[in-house]
Amino acid sequence: MTKKKYIYLTAMVGAVIFASYFFIGDISIWAMLMHLLLAIYFIYTSYLLLFKKSYNLLAGMTGEELERIQENIEVKMKYDKGLKIIGYIIFIGGIVVLFLGLSYLFK
């Protein structure tokens, strides 16, 4: 996924959250839906970082910088380690937000 598409995805998630606040009357339903939407977004972001190895999302780099990194093994390993750490943190955050959203079902 390119950086431009990811920025569009982030803007759409933010716009949906902002706009839906005015249309959903019950705040607990709104909170549950927004937690679920954010959880899906976080888990998708961690998927991009962990499995697709989207370096350009991590550092906001250009295509030329990405090619340079993939040629140099030491730099690539450093970025892989950073991608894994950030990917796991975002994945754990997505799971926590998912459980928070589902907790509204059992109240």
Protein backbone atom coordinates (compact mmCIF):
# COMPACT_ATOMS: atom_id res chain seq x y z
CA MET A 1 0.00 0.00 0.00
CA THR A 2 1.36 3.39 -0.89
CA LYS A 3 1.67 6.21 1.58
CA LYS A 4 -0.95 8.23 -0.27
CA LYS A 5 -3.56 5.44 -0.05
CA TYR A 6 -2.79 4.93 3.63
CA ILE A 7 -3.30 8.64 4.31
CA TYR A 8 -6.64 8.47 2.49
CA LEU A 9 -7.64 5.45 4.57
CA THR A 10 -6.70 7.26 7.78
CA ALA A 11 -8.66 10.34 6.73
CA MET A 12 -11.72 8.24 5.89
CA VAL A 13 -11.64 6.46 9.26
CA GLY A 14 -11.35 9.81 11.02
CA ALA A 15 -14.17 11.34 8.99
CA VAL A 16 -16.46 8.38 9.66
CA ILE A 17 -15.80 8.60 13.39
CA PHE A 18 -16.37 12.36 13.45
CA ALA A 19 -19.51 12.33 11.29
CA SER A 20 -21.10 9.32 12.93
CA TYR A 21 -21.06 11.02 16.33
CA PHE A 22 -23.80 13.38 15.12
CA PHE A 23 -26.02 10.67 13.59
CA ILE A 24 -26.01 7.91 16.20
CA GLY A 25 -28.22 8.90 19.13
CA ASP A 26 -27.23 6.25 21.66
CA ILE A 27 -23.70 6.94 22.87
CA SER A 28 -23.03 3.33 23.89
CA ILE A 29 -23.84 2.04 20.40
CA TRP A 30 -21.64 4.77 18.92
CA ALA A 31 -18.78 3.85 21.26
CA MET A 32 -19.08 0.16 20.42
CA LEU A 33 -19.09 0.78 16.66
CA MET A 34 -16.17 3.19 16.82
CA HIS A 35 -14.13 0.80 18.96
CA LEU A 36 -14.75 -1.94 16.42
CA LEU A 37 -13.83 0.36 13.52
CA LEU A 38 -10.61 1.45 15.22
CA ALA A 39 -9.74 -2.14 16.10
CA ILE A 40 -10.09 -3.18 12.46
CA TYR A 41 -7.97 -0.19 11.41
CA PHE A 42 -5.23 -0.98 13.95
CA ILE A 43 -5.14 -4.67 13.07
CA TYR A 44 -4.96 -3.82 9.35
CA THR A 45 -2.10 -1.40 10.02
CA SER A 46 -0.22 -4.06 11.98
CA TYR A 47 -0.83 -6.48 9.09
CA LEU A 48 0.76 -3.98 6.69
CA LEU A 49 3.76 -3.52 8.97
CA LEU A 50 4.32 -7.15 9.98
CA PHE A 51 3.47 -9.15 6.87
CA LYS A 52 3.59 -6.75 3.94
CA LYS A 53 6.71 -5.00 5.30
CA SER A 54 5.50 -1.56 4.27
CA TYR A 55 8.62 0.44 5.05
CA ASN A 56 7.22 3.58 3.46
CA LEU A 57 4.39 3.67 6.02
CA LEU A 58 6.84 3.47 8.87
CA ALA A 59 9.17 6.28 7.92
CA GLY A 60 7.32 8.18 5.23
CA MET A 61 10.10 7.54 2.75
CA THR A 62 10.14 7.79 -1.00
CA GLY A 63 10.48 4.95 -3.49
CA GLU A 64 14.17 5.66 -4.05
CA GLU A 65 14.90 5.42 -0.34
CA LEU A 66 12.98 2.15 -0.20
CA GLU A 67 15.11 0.68 -3.00
CA ARG A 68 18.29 1.82 -1.24
CA ILE A 69 17.20 0.15 1.99
CA GLN A 70 16.36 -3.12 0.29
CA GLU A 71 19.84 -3.25 -1.26
CA ASN A 72 21.68 -2.79 2.06
CA ILE A 73 21.17 -5.84 4.30
CA GLU A 74 22.19 -4.19 7.60
CA VAL A 75 19.84 -1.25 7.15
CA LYS A 76 17.06 -3.59 6.04
CA MET A 77 17.46 -5.69 9.21
CA LYS A 78 17.29 -2.54 11.33
CA TYR A 79 14.06 -1.47 9.64
CA ASP A 80 12.65 -5.01 9.93
CA LYS A 81 13.22 -4.93 13.68
CA GLY A 82 11.50 -1.54 13.95
CA LEU A 83 8.60 -2.74 11.81
CA LYS A 84 8.09 -5.77 14.04
CA ILE A 85 8.15 -3.77 17.26
CA ILE A 86 5.73 -1.13 16.01
CA GLY A 87 3.54 -3.75 14.31
CA TYR A 88 3.19 -5.78 17.50
CA ILE A 89 2.42 -2.68 19.57
CA ILE A 90 -0.30 -1.62 17.13
CA PHE A 91 -1.67 -5.19 17.01
CA ILE A 92 -1.91 -5.35 20.80
CA GLY A 93 -3.59 -1.93 20.78
CA GLY A 94 -6.08 -3.19 18.20
CA ILE A 95 -6.91 -6.24 20.29
CA VAL A 96 -7.40 -4.08 23.41
CA VAL A 97 -9.68 -1.69 21.52
CA LEU A 98 -11.58 -4.67 20.08
CA PHE A 99 -12.23 -6.06 23.57
CA LEU A 100 -13.29 -2.64 24.80
CA GLY A 101 -15.76 -2.39 21.94
CA LEU A 102 -17.14 -5.84 22.57
CA SER A 103 -17.50 -5.12 26.27
CA TYR A 104 -20.35 -2.73 25.41
CA LEU A 105 -22.35 -5.76 24.23
CA PHE A 106 -22.28 -7.33 27.69
CA LYS A 107 -23.37 -4.30 29.72
